[in-house]
C-alpha atoms as a PDB file:
ATOM      1  CA  MET A   1     -48.538 -58.741 -30.738  1.00  0.00           C
ATOM      2  CA  LYS A   2     -46.050 -61.537 -31.376  1.00  0.00           C
ATOM      3  CA  SER A   3     -46.273 -60.877 -35.052  1.00  0.00           C
ATOM      4  CA  LYS A   4     -45.458 -57.179 -34.582  1.00  0.00           C
ATOM      5  CA  ILE A   5     -42.388 -58.064 -32.534  1.00  0.00           C
ATOM      6  CA  LEU A   6     -41.332 -60.583 -35.156  1.00  0.00           C
ATOM      7  CA  ILE A   7     -41.732 -58.027 -37.937  1.00  0.00           C
ATOM      8  CA  ILE A   8     -39.705 -55.436 -36.003  1.00  0.00           C
ATOM      9  CA  ALA A   9     -36.981 -58.020 -35.359  1.00  0.00           C
ATOM     10  CA  ILE A  10     -36.856 -58.911 -39.063  1.00  0.00           C
ATOM     11  CA  ILE A  11     -36.725 -55.239 -40.101  1.00  0.00           C
ATOM     12  CA  PHE A  12     -34.060 -54.569 -37.488  1.00  0.00           C
ATOM     13  CA  THR A  13     -32.032 -57.526 -38.773  1.00  0.00           C
ATOM     14  CA  PHE A  14     -32.166 -56.238 -42.352  1.00  0.00           C
ATOM     15  CA  LEU A  15     -31.294 -52.683 -41.381  1.00  0.00           C
ATOM     16  CA  LEU A  16     -28.191 -53.609 -39.386  1.00  0.00           C
ATOM     17  CA  PRO A  17     -24.959 -54.162 -41.218  1.00  0.00           C
ATOM     18  CA  ALA A  18     -23.976 -57.749 -41.780  1.00  0.00           C
ATOM     19  CA  ARG A  19     -21.249 -57.763 -39.109  1.00  0.00           C
ATOM     20  CA  ALA A  20     -23.550 -56.471 -36.391  1.00  0.00           C
ATOM     21  CA  ALA A  21     -26.159 -59.043 -37.129  1.00  0.00           C
ATOM     22  CA  CYS A  22     -23.682 -61.866 -36.792  1.00  0.00           C
ATOM     23  CA  GLN A  23     -22.281 -61.001 -33.405  1.00  0.00           C
ATOM     24  CA  GLY A  24     -24.927 -62.684 -31.307  1.00  0.00           C
ATOM     25  CA  MET A  25     -25.369 -62.260 -27.535  1.00  0.00           C
ATOM     26  CA  PRO A  26     -22.748 -60.229 -25.649  1.00  0.00           C
ATOM     27  CA  VAL A  27     -20.566 -62.247 -23.310  1.00  0.00           C
ATOM     28  CA  TYR A  28     -19.236 -60.686 -20.092  1.00  0.00           C
ATOM     29  CA  ASP A  29     -15.638 -61.378 -19.288  1.00  0.00           C
ATOM     30  CA  ASN A  30     -15.137 -61.602 -15.521  1.00  0.00           C
ATOM     31  CA  THR A  31     -11.449 -60.717 -15.751  1.00  0.00           C
ATOM     32  CA  ASN A  32     -12.291 -57.357 -17.363  1.00  0.00           C
ATOM     33  CA  PHE A  33     -14.868 -56.685 -14.657  1.00  0.00           C
ATOM     34  CA  ILE A  34     -12.376 -57.529 -11.895  1.00  0.00           C
ATOM     35  CA  SER A  35      -9.779 -55.251 -13.526  1.00  0.00           C
ATOM     36  CA  LEU A  36     -12.358 -52.462 -13.645  1.00  0.00           C
ATOM     37  CA  VAL A  37     -13.173 -52.910  -9.930  1.00  0.00           C
ATOM     38  CA  LYS A  38      -9.458 -52.973  -9.037  1.00  0.00           C
ATOM     39  CA  SER A  39      -8.895 -49.828 -11.086  1.00  0.00           C
ATOM     40  CA  LEU A  40     -11.815 -48.079  -9.339  1.00  0.00           C
ATOM     41  CA  VAL A  41     -10.491 -49.078  -5.898  1.00  0.00           C
ATOM     42  CA  GLU A  42      -7.014 -47.834  -6.812  1.00  0.00           C
ATOM     43  CA  SER A  43      -8.511 -44.588  -8.110  1.00  0.00           C
ATOM     44  CA  ALA A  44     -10.419 -44.157  -4.835  1.00  0.00           C
ATOM     45  CA  LYS A  45      -7.198 -44.674  -2.860  1.00  0.00           C
ATOM     46  CA  GLN A  46      -5.415 -42.064  -4.979  1.00  0.00           C
ATOM     47  CA  THR A  47      -8.304 -39.631  -4.524  1.00  0.00           C
ATOM     48  CA  SER A  48      -8.205 -40.219  -0.779  1.00  0.00           C
ATOM     49  CA  GLN A  49      -4.447 -39.565  -0.753  1.00  0.00           C
ATOM     50  CA  LEU A  50      -4.967 -36.436  -2.846  1.00  0.00           C
ATOM     51  CA  ILE A  51      -7.559 -35.144  -0.380  1.00  0.00           C
ATOM     52  CA  LYS A  52      -5.165 -35.832   2.508  1.00  0.00           C
ATOM     53  CA  SER A  53      -2.381 -34.042   0.627  1.00  0.00           C
ATOM     54  CA  VAL A  54      -4.597 -31.009  -0.007  1.00  0.00           C
ATOM     55  CA  LYS A  55      -5.550 -30.862   3.680  1.00  0.00           C
ATOM     56  CA  PHE A  56      -1.871 -31.197   4.669  1.00  0.00           C
ATOM     57  CA  LEU A  57      -0.921 -28.382   2.281  1.00  0.00           C
ATOM     58  CA  LYS A  58      -3.698 -26.155   3.653  1.00  0.00           C
ATOM     59  CA  ASP A  59      -2.514 -26.817   7.198  1.00  0.00           C
ATOM     60  CA  ALA A  60       1.076 -26.163   6.139  1.00  0.00           C
ATOM     61  CA  LYS A  61       0.071 -22.892   4.467  1.00  0.00           C
ATOM     62  CA  GLU A  62      -1.771 -21.749   7.603  1.00  0.00           C
ATOM     63  CA  SER A  63       1.237 -22.682   9.725  1.00  0.00           C
ATOM     64  CA  ILE A  64       3.569 -20.760   7.415  1.00  0.00           C
ATOM     65  CA  GLU A  65       1.273 -17.735   7.546  1.00  0.00           C
ATOM     66  CA  LYS A  66       1.227 -17.903  11.353  1.00  0.00           C
ATOM     67  CA  VAL A  67       5.016 -18.217  11.486  1.00  0.00           C
ATOM     68  CA  SER A  68       5.330 -15.365   9.005  1.00  0.00           C
ATOM     69  CA  SER A  69       3.062 -13.244  11.168  1.00  0.00           C
ATOM     70  CA  VAL A  70       5.056 -14.133  14.279  1.00  0.00           C
ATOM     71  CA  VAL A  71       8.301 -13.302  12.431  1.00  0.00           C
ATOM     72  CA  GLN A  72       6.837  -9.944  11.407  1.00  0.00           C
ATOM     73  CA  GLN A  73       5.863  -9.321  15.029  1.00  0.00           C
ATOM     74  CA  LEU A  74       9.339 -10.289  16.185  1.00  0.00           C
ATOM     75  CA  ARG A  75      10.987  -7.977  13.655  1.00  0.00           C
ATOM     76  CA  ALA A  76       8.716  -5.101  14.656  1.00  0.00           C
ATOM     77  CA  VAL A  77       9.446  -5.697  18.338  1.00  0.00           C
ATOM     78  CA  GLN A  78      13.198  -5.860  17.645  1.00  0.00           C
ATOM     79  CA  GLU A  79      13.068  -2.619  15.666  1.00  0.00           C
ATOM     80  CA  ILE A  80      11.099  -0.888  18.426  1.00  0.00           C
ATOM     81  CA  ALA A  81      13.634  -2.136  20.989  1.00  0.00           C
ATOM     82  CA  ARG A  82      16.522  -0.815  18.837  1.00  0.00           C
ATOM     83  CA  ASN A  83      14.788   2.547  18.494  1.00  0.00           C
ATOM     84  CA  ASN A  84      14.223   2.749  22.246  1.00  0.00           C
ATOM     85  CA  GLN A  85      17.899   1.957  22.790  1.00  0.00           C
ATOM     86  CA  ARG A  86      18.796   4.834  20.459  1.00  0.00           C
ATOM     87  CA  LEU A  87      16.549   7.131  22.499  1.00  0.00           C
ATOM     88  CA  ILE A  88      18.217   6.005  25.716  1.00  0.00           C
ATOM     89  CA  ASN A  89      21.676   6.604  24.202  1.00  0.00           C
ATOM     90  CA  VAL A  90      20.660  10.115  23.154  1.00  0.00           C
ATOM     91  CA  MET A  91      19.303  10.785  26.640  1.00  0.00           C
ATOM     92  CA  GLN A  92      22.473   9.481  28.306  1.00  0.00           C
ATOM     93  CA  ASN A  93      25.015  11.131  26.031  1.00  0.00           C
ATOM     94  CA  ASP A  94      23.745  13.926  23.841  1.00  0.00           C
ATOM     95  CA  LEU A  95      21.170  15.442  26.194  1.00  0.00           C
ATOM     96  CA  GLN A  96      23.655  15.545  29.049  1.00  0.00           C
ATOM     97  CA  ASP A  97      26.179  17.298  26.782  1.00  0.00           C
ATOM     98  CA  ILE A  98      23.548  19.796  25.665  1.00  0.00           C
ATOM     99  CA  LEU A  99      22.347  20.549  29.191  1.00  0.00           C
ATOM    100  CA  ASN A 100      25.915  20.931  30.491  1.00  0.00           C
ATOM    101  CA  SER A 101      26.897  23.319  27.713  1.00  0.00           C
ATOM    102  CA  PRO A 102      27.646  26.867  28.860  1.00  0.00           C
ATOM    103  CA  TYR A 103      25.893  28.096  25.731  1.00  0.00           C
ATOM    104  CA  ILE A 104      22.483  26.862  26.855  1.00  0.00           C
ATOM    105  CA  LYS A 105      20.827  29.484  29.012  1.00  0.00           C
ATOM    106  CA  PRO A 106      19.435  28.442  32.404  1.00  0.00           C
ATOM    107  CA  GLU A 107      15.861  29.307  31.341  1.00  0.00           C
ATOM    108  CA  GLU A 108      16.274  27.022  28.294  1.00  0.00           C
ATOM    109  CA  VAL A 109      17.345  23.974  30.300  1.00  0.00           C
ATOM    110  CA  THR A 110      13.798  23.196  31.433  1.00  0.00           C
ATOM    111  CA  ARG A 111      12.379  23.600  27.923  1.00  0.00           C
ATOM    112  CA  VAL A 112      15.097  21.343  26.433  1.00  0.00           C
ATOM    113  CA  ALA A 113      14.599  18.698  29.109  1.00  0.00           C
ATOM    114  CA  GLU A 114      10.798  18.760  28.678  1.00  0.00           C
ATOM    115  CA  SER A 115      11.000  18.364  24.895  1.00  0.00           C
ATOM    116  CA  PHE A 116      13.211  15.295  25.265  1.00  0.00           C
ATOM    117  CA  ASP A 117      11.129  13.992  28.168  1.00  0.00           C
ATOM    118  CA  ALA A 118       7.942  14.036  26.047  1.00  0.00           C
ATOM    119  CA  ILE A 119       9.584  11.816  23.422  1.00  0.00           C
ATOM    120  CA  VAL A 120      10.956   9.421  26.027  1.00  0.00           C
ATOM    121  CA  GLN A 121       7.563   9.205  27.777  1.00  0.00           C
ATOM    122  CA  ASN A 122       5.945   8.352  24.444  1.00  0.00           C
ATOM    123  CA  SER A 123       8.593   5.670  23.972  1.00  0.00           C
ATOM    124  CA  LEU A 124       7.847   4.172  27.390  1.00  0.00           C
ATOM    125  CA  ASP A 125       4.114   4.186  26.605  1.00  0.00           C
ATOM    126  CA  THR A 126       4.879   2.290  23.401  1.00  0.00           C
ATOM    127  CA  VAL A 127       6.814  -0.346  25.349  1.00  0.00           C
ATOM    128  CA  ASP A 128       3.910  -0.758  27.791  1.00  0.00           C
ATOM    129  CA  PHE A 129       1.434  -1.020  24.920  1.00  0.00           C
ATOM    130  CA  MET A 130       3.635  -3.625  23.234  1.00  0.00           C
ATOM    131  CA  GLY A 131       3.508  -5.693  26.406  1.00  0.00           C
ATOM    132  CA  GLU A 132      -0.282  -5.624  26.269  1.00  0.00           C
ATOM    133  CA  ILE A 133      -0.375  -6.455  22.570  1.00  0.00           C
ATOM    134  CA  LEU A 134       1.977  -9.404  22.895  1.00  0.00           C
ATOM    135  CA  SER A 135       0.154 -10.985  25.805  1.00  0.00           C
ATOM    136  CA  SER A 136      -2.638 -12.953  24.197  1.00  0.00           C
ATOM    137  CA  ASP A 137      -4.727 -12.839  27.390  1.00  0.00           C
ATOM    138  CA  ASN A 138      -5.308  -9.092  27.460  1.00  0.00           C
ATOM    139  CA  LEU A 139      -6.475  -8.392  23.940  1.00  0.00           C
ATOM    140  CA  LYS A 140      -8.239 -10.854  21.700  1.00  0.00           C
ATOM    141  CA  MET A 141      -6.432 -10.237  18.434  1.00  0.00           C
ATOM    142  CA  SER A 142      -5.398 -12.422  15.566  1.00  0.00           C
ATOM    143  CA  ASP A 143      -1.719 -12.701  14.745  1.00  0.00           C
ATOM    144  CA  ALA A 144      -2.251 -10.610  11.620  1.00  0.00           C
ATOM    145  CA  GLU A 145      -3.974  -7.826  13.583  1.00  0.00           C
ATOM    146  CA  ARG A 146      -1.253  -7.933  16.227  1.00  0.00           C
ATOM    147  CA  ALA A 147       1.448  -7.728  13.545  1.00  0.00           C
ATOM    148  CA  GLU A 148      -0.309  -4.756  11.938  1.00  0.00           C
ATOM    149  CA  VAL A 149      -0.511  -2.854  15.244  1.00  0.00           C
ATOM    150  CA  LEU A 150       3.137  -3.601  15.975  1.00  0.00           C
ATOM    151  CA  LYS A 151       4.104  -2.355  12.496  1.00  0.00           C
ATOM    152  CA  GLN A 152       2.298   0.915  13.254  1.00  0.00           C
ATOM    153  CA  LYS A 153       4.105   1.185  16.584  1.00  0.00           C
ATOM    154  CA  GLU A 154       7.387   0.473  14.782  1.00  0.00           C
ATOM    155  CA  GLN A 155       6.693   3.413  12.445  1.00  0.00           C
ATOM    156  CA  GLU A 156       5.875   5.628  15.438  1.00  0.00           C
ATOM    157  CA  SER A 157       9.110   4.486  17.069  1.00  0.00           C
ATOM    158  CA  LYS A 158      11.092   5.408  13.953  1.00  0.00           C
ATOM    159  CA  GLN A 159       9.386   8.810  13.973  1.00  0.00           C
ATOM    160  CA  MET A 160      10.390   9.307  17.625  1.00  0.00           C
ATOM    161  CA  VAL A 161      14.015   8.541  16.765  1.00  0.00           C
ATOM    162  CA  SER A 162      13.818  10.982  13.876  1.00  0.00           C
ATOM    163  CA  ASN A 163      12.312  13.652  16.156  1.00  0.00           C
ATOM    164  CA  ILE A 164      14.912  13.240  18.867  1.00  0.00           C
ATOM    165  CA  THR A 165      17.713  13.227  16.275  1.00  0.00           C
ATOM    166  CA  THR A 166      16.339  16.451  14.793  1.00  0.00           C
ATOM    167  CA  LYS A 167      16.016  18.068  18.222  1.00  0.00           C
ATOM    168  CA  THR A 168      19.543  17.001  19.172  1.00  0.00           C
ATOM    169  CA  LYS A 169      20.927  18.420  15.930  1.00  0.00           C
ATOM    170  CA  ARG A 170      19.008  21.658  16.400  1.00  0.00           C
ATOM    171  CA  TYR A 171      20.335  22.147  19.941  1.00  0.00           C
ATOM    172  CA  ARG A 172      23.873  21.250  18.838  1.00  0.00           C
ATOM    173  CA  ASP A 173      23.555  23.818  16.014  1.00  0.00           C
ATOM    174  CA  ILE A 174      22.377  26.431  18.547  1.00  0.00           C
ATOM    175  CA  ILE A 175      25.330  25.651  20.788  1.00  0.00           C
ATOM    176  CA  SER A 176      27.723  25.778  17.840  1.00  0.00           C
ATOM    177  CA  PHE A 177      26.281  29.102  16.662  1.00  0.00           C
ATOM    178  CA  ARG A 178      26.472  30.631  20.150  1.00  0.00           C
ATOM    179  CA  LYS A 179      30.025  29.371  20.570  1.00  0.00           C
ATOM    180  CA  MET A 180      31.049  30.963  17.269  1.00  0.00           C
ATOM    181  CA  GLN A 181      29.198  34.146  18.203  1.00  0.00           C
ATOM    182  CA  ASP A 182      31.024  34.240  21.544  1.00  0.00           C
ATOM    183  CA  LYS A 183      34.392  33.873  19.784  1.00  0.00           C
ATOM    184  CA  VAL A 184      33.546  36.655  17.365  1.00  0.00           C
ATOM    185  CA  ASN A 185      32.322  38.966  20.125  1.00  0.00           C
ATOM    186  CA  ASN A 186      35.290  38.289  22.398  1.00  0.00           C
ATOM    187  CA  ARG A 187      38.097  38.317  19.895  1.00  0.00           C
ATOM    188  CA  GLU A 188      41.002  40.613  20.394  1.00  0.00           C
ATOM    189  CA  THR A 189      41.560  43.254  17.835  1.00  0.00           C
ATOM    190  CA  ASN A 190      45.051  44.418  16.908  1.00  0.00           C
ATOM    191  CA  TYR A 191      44.287  47.689  15.168  1.00  0.00           C
END
């Protein structure tokens, strides 16, 4: 067995290039090992910092998304409030003018008032629903779901304003037409 090992060692020695055969036993340098350990420790610290940074960025992103959602909710609520104010202004000014016009027939007054009343009642229902949506105790919704519902209500609110504007214009056109018709029918002729 010893002779086989010796033969393999001799063959190995002859097969290696001359430089490799002359190197001898490897020597470990402690300073290189210490540098390697220091480098690994420093790398671990950097990795730890990187992980903390990633977590911080994730938290920041979630916070930004929540704030964005809250801002969207706030904008939707503000727009709904503006639309309701427009409805109130129409009810206070335009509807009163329409109902007081001598060109609206008494039997039409109820129909006109009811058509406006339906829109205003829908508006009040929207305000009540918004109160429920915004109170986190009543409905268990995420901020994103809440923002989506408020956006839908904002669109409905815009539609209500459009409807009441159209109705107001239509009744003003009727009044204008009847006024012109009255002038034509009651004009004096000088034939």
